[in-house]
């Protein structure tokens, strides 16, 4: 059967507009019946259909709250952060030493020769 899209729209406008809605409603009703009757057959397929076709989705909500369930005190956090940064800055100043001299190099005691590490030959196993 070959019908052009304009002809199909002209003669079957109501079916085109409501067909998907009716199909989604039937699947939702079947899912409800299965869920309330305890049947587990095809529930996964119905959920997939509803997620893809009816816009269903799984969501989770994560809320951050401050003391007593209220808003988080942002001003307090900024103040604490500024104090900590100031302390770190002061500690860094105290730890800085003037870099005028290079550290002394370690010298070998007189009479000791530098010894090269021993080389070990590795043989390949046959087989």
C-alpha atoms as a PDB file:
ATOM      1  CA  UNK A   1       0.000   0.000   0.000  1.00  0.00           C
ATOM      2  CA  UNK A   2       1.612   3.218  -1.130  1.00  0.00           C
ATOM      3  CA  UNK A   3       0.225   6.442   0.351  1.00  0.00           C
ATOM      4  CA  UNK A   4       2.046   9.739   0.214  1.00  0.00           C
ATOM      5  CA  UNK A   5       2.667  11.496   3.553  1.00  0.00           C
ATOM      6  CA  UNK A   6       0.346  14.431   2.710  1.00  0.00           C
ATOM      7  CA  UNK A   7      -2.513  12.043   1.832  1.00  0.00           C
ATOM      8  CA  UNK A   8      -1.908   9.985   4.969  1.00  0.00           C
ATOM      9  CA  UNK A   9      -1.957  13.152   7.096  1.00  0.00           C
ATOM     10  CA  UNK A  10      -5.099  14.420   5.374  1.00  0.00           C
ATOM     11  CA  UNK A  11      -7.180  11.275   5.903  1.00  0.00           C
ATOM     12  CA  UNK A  12      -5.699   9.845   9.125  1.00  0.00           C
ATOM     13  CA  UNK A  13      -4.734  12.936  11.137  1.00  0.00           C
ATOM     14  CA  UNK A  14      -6.503  11.863  14.350  1.00  0.00           C
ATOM     15  CA  UNK A  15      -4.946   8.369  14.301  1.00  0.00           C
ATOM     16  CA  UNK A  16      -1.478   9.801  13.715  1.00  0.00           C
ATOM     17  CA  UNK A  17      -1.907  12.298  16.566  1.00  0.00           C
ATOM     18  CA  UNK A  18      -3.311   9.880  19.155  1.00  0.00           C
ATOM     19  CA  UNK A  19      -1.847   6.476  18.189  1.00  0.00           C
ATOM     20  CA  UNK A  20       1.362   6.775  20.215  1.00  0.00           C
ATOM     21  CA  UNK A  21      -0.497   8.105  23.247  1.00  0.00           C
ATOM     22  CA  UNK A  22      -2.940   5.199  23.125  1.00  0.00           C
ATOM     23  CA  UNK A  23      -0.129   2.649  22.768  1.00  0.00           C
ATOM     24  CA  UNK A  24       1.760   4.150  25.726  1.00  0.00           C
ATOM     25  CA  UNK A  25      -1.391   4.085  27.836  1.00  0.00           C
ATOM     26  CA  UNK A  26      -1.994   0.393  27.048  1.00  0.00           C
ATOM     27  CA  UNK A  27       1.612  -0.537  27.952  1.00  0.00           C
ATOM     28  CA  UNK A  28       1.382   1.468  31.172  1.00  0.00           C
ATOM     29  CA  UNK A  29      -1.891  -0.262  32.036  1.00  0.00           C
ATOM     30  CA  UNK A  30      -0.365  -3.686  31.341  1.00  0.00           C
ATOM     31  CA  UNK A  31       2.652  -2.821  33.505  1.00  0.00           C
ATOM     32  CA  UNK A  32       0.350  -1.723  36.314  1.00  0.00           C
ATOM     33  CA  UNK A  33      -1.678  -4.963  36.031  1.00  0.00           C
ATOM     34  CA  UNK A  34       1.465  -7.105  36.060  1.00  0.00           C
ATOM     35  CA  UNK A  35       2.941  -5.190  38.991  1.00  0.00           C
ATOM     36  CA  UNK A  36      -0.226  -5.447  41.074  1.00  0.00           C
ATOM     37  CA  UNK A  37      -0.752  -9.128  40.260  1.00  0.00           C
ATOM     38  CA  UNK A  38       2.863 -10.050  41.026  1.00  0.00           C
ATOM     39  CA  UNK A  39       3.745 -11.227  37.519  1.00  0.00           C
ATOM     40  CA  UNK A  40       7.340 -10.530  36.552  1.00  0.00           C
ATOM     41  CA  UNK A  41       7.123 -11.601  32.896  1.00  0.00           C
ATOM     42  CA  UNK A  42       7.974  -8.912  30.373  1.00  0.00           C
ATOM     43  CA  UNK A  43       8.123  -6.149  32.990  1.00  0.00           C
ATOM     44  CA  UNK A  44      11.611  -5.207  31.831  1.00  0.00           C
ATOM     45  CA  UNK A  45      10.417  -4.864  28.244  1.00  0.00           C
ATOM     46  CA  UNK A  46       7.500  -2.690  29.332  1.00  0.00           C
ATOM     47  CA  UNK A  47       9.761  -0.422  31.371  1.00  0.00           C
ATOM     48  CA  UNK A  48      12.106  -0.129  28.380  1.00  0.00           C
ATOM     49  CA  UNK A  49       9.163   0.800  26.132  1.00  0.00           C
ATOM     50  CA  UNK A  50       7.965   3.462  28.535  1.00  0.00           C
ATOM     51  CA  UNK A  51      11.452   4.955  28.975  1.00  0.00           C
ATOM     52  CA  UNK A  52      11.984   5.141  25.215  1.00  0.00           C
ATOM     53  CA  UNK A  53       8.497   6.051  24.040  1.00  0.00           C
ATOM     54  CA  UNK A  54       6.677   7.724  26.918  1.00  0.00           C
ATOM     55  CA  UNK A  55       9.554   9.786  28.310  1.00  0.00           C
ATOM     56  CA  UNK A  56       9.837   7.875  31.577  1.00  0.00           C
ATOM     57  CA  UNK A  57      13.196   8.151  33.344  1.00  0.00           C
ATOM     58  CA  UNK A  58      14.889   7.194  36.564  1.00  0.00           C
ATOM     59  CA  UNK A  59      16.162  10.103  38.622  1.00  0.00           C
ATOM     60  CA  UNK A  60      17.801  10.558  41.962  1.00  0.00           C
ATOM     61  CA  UNK A  61      17.968  13.773  43.939  1.00  0.00           C
ATOM     62  CA  UNK A  62      20.964  14.709  46.072  1.00  0.00           C
ATOM     63  CA  UNK A  63      20.573  17.680  48.373  1.00  0.00           C
ATOM     64  CA  UNK A  64      23.321  19.337  50.385  1.00  0.00           C
ATOM     65  CA  UNK A  65      22.178  21.019  53.580  1.00  0.00           C
ATOM     66  CA  UNK A  66      23.865  22.952  56.338  1.00  0.00           C
ATOM     67  CA  UNK A  67      23.418  22.789  60.095  1.00  0.00           C
ATOM     68  CA  UNK A  68      19.892  21.919  61.187  1.00  0.00           C
ATOM     69  CA  UNK A  69      18.816  21.111  57.640  1.00  0.00           C
ATOM     70  CA  UNK A  70      19.068  24.730  56.478  1.00  0.00           C
ATOM     71  CA  UNK A  71      21.158  26.360  53.807  1.00  0.00           C
ATOM     72  CA  UNK A  72      24.937  25.962  53.751  1.00  0.00           C
ATOM     73  CA  UNK A  73      26.644  29.025  55.218  1.00  0.00           C
ATOM     74  CA  UNK A  74      28.811  30.089  52.281  1.00  0.00           C
ATOM     75  CA  UNK A  75      30.128  33.251  53.955  1.00  0.00           C
ATOM     76  CA  UNK A  76      31.446  31.195  56.893  1.00  0.00           C
ATOM     77  CA  UNK A  77      33.191  28.774  54.537  1.00  0.00           C
ATOM     78  CA  UNK A  78      34.848  31.651  52.658  1.00  0.00           C
ATOM     79  CA  UNK A  79      36.060  33.189  55.919  1.00  0.00           C
ATOM     80  CA  UNK A  80      37.488  29.873  57.128  1.00  0.00           C
ATOM     81  CA  UNK A  81      39.181  29.318  53.775  1.00  0.00           C
ATOM     82  CA  UNK A  82      40.756  32.796  53.874  1.00  0.00           C
ATOM     83  CA  UNK A  83      42.088  32.137  57.400  1.00  0.00           C
ATOM     84  CA  UNK A  84      43.576  28.788  56.345  1.00  0.00           C
ATOM     85  CA  UNK A  85      45.220  30.303  53.269  1.00  0.00           C
ATOM     86  CA  UNK A  86      46.684  33.071  55.442  1.00  0.00           C
ATOM     87  CA  UNK A  87      48.130  30.512  57.854  1.00  0.00           C
ATOM     88  CA  UNK A  88      49.629  28.530  54.978  1.00  0.00           C
ATOM     89  CA  UNK A  89      51.162  31.700  53.537  1.00  0.00           C
ATOM     90  CA  UNK A  90      52.727  32.612  56.885  1.00  0.00           C
ATOM     91  CA  UNK A  91      54.085  29.072  57.324  1.00  0.00           C
ATOM     92  CA  UNK A  92      55.628  29.195  53.867  1.00  0.00           C
ATOM     93  CA  UNK A  93      57.367  32.500  54.717  1.00  0.00           C
ATOM     94  CA  UNK A  94      58.804  31.004  57.911  1.00  0.00           C
ATOM     95  CA  UNK A  95      60.117  27.933  56.086  1.00  0.00           C
ATOM     96  CA  UNK A  96      61.922  29.905  53.395  1.00  0.00           C
ATOM     97  CA  UNK A  97      65.669  30.083  53.964  1.00  0.00           C
ATOM     98  CA  UNK A  98      67.978  32.405  52.071  1.00  0.00           C
ATOM     99  CA  UNK A  99      69.463  30.540  49.120  1.00  0.00           C
ATOM    100  CA  UNK A 100      72.941  32.107  49.262  1.00  0.00           C
ATOM    101  CA  UNK A 101      75.032  28.953  49.572  1.00  0.00           C
ATOM    102  CA  UNK A 102      74.788  25.671  47.749  1.00  0.00           C
ATOM    103  CA  UNK A 103      74.679  22.619  49.970  1.00  0.00           C
ATOM    104  CA  UNK A 104      78.065  20.969  50.465  1.00  0.00           C
ATOM    105  CA  UNK A 105      78.773  17.897  48.335  1.00  0.00           C
ATOM    106  CA  UNK A 106      79.614  14.652  50.076  1.00  0.00           C
ATOM    107  CA  UNK A 107      83.154  13.550  49.475  1.00  0.00           C
ATOM    108  CA  UNK A 108      84.551  10.053  49.552  1.00  0.00           C
ATOM    109  CA  UNK A 109      87.082   9.301  52.223  1.00  0.00           C
ATOM    110  CA  UNK A 110      90.640   9.353  50.946  1.00  0.00           C
ATOM    111  CA  UNK A 111      91.992   6.110  49.696  1.00  0.00           C
ATOM    112  CA  UNK A 112      88.618   4.581  48.793  1.00  0.00           C
ATOM    113  CA  UNK A 113      88.003   3.775  45.187  1.00  0.00           C
ATOM    114  CA  UNK A 114      84.728   3.972  43.404  1.00  0.00           C
ATOM    115  CA  UNK A 115      83.431   0.445  42.887  1.00  0.00           C
ATOM    116  CA  UNK A 116      81.268  -0.353  39.888  1.00  0.00           C
ATOM    117  CA  UNK A 117      78.305  -2.678  40.458  1.00  0.00           C
ATOM    118  CA  UNK A 118      78.798  -6.295  39.411  1.00  0.00           C
ATOM    119  CA  UNK A 119      77.254  -7.363  36.171  1.00  0.00           C
ATOM    120  CA  UNK A 120      75.375 -10.623  36.106  1.00  0.00           C
ATOM    121  CA  UNK A 121      74.976 -12.589  32.918  1.00  0.00           C
ATOM    122  CA  UNK A 122      71.466 -13.840  32.251  1.00  0.00           C
ATOM    123  CA  UNK A 123      71.126 -17.033  30.247  1.00  0.00           C
ATOM    124  CA  UNK A 124      68.054 -17.839  28.213  1.00  0.00           C
ATOM    125  CA  UNK A 125      66.360 -21.122  28.935  1.00  0.00           C
ATOM    126  CA  UNK A 126      66.088 -23.588  26.087  1.00  0.00           C
ATOM    127  CA  UNK A 127      62.741 -24.990  25.222  1.00  0.00           C
END
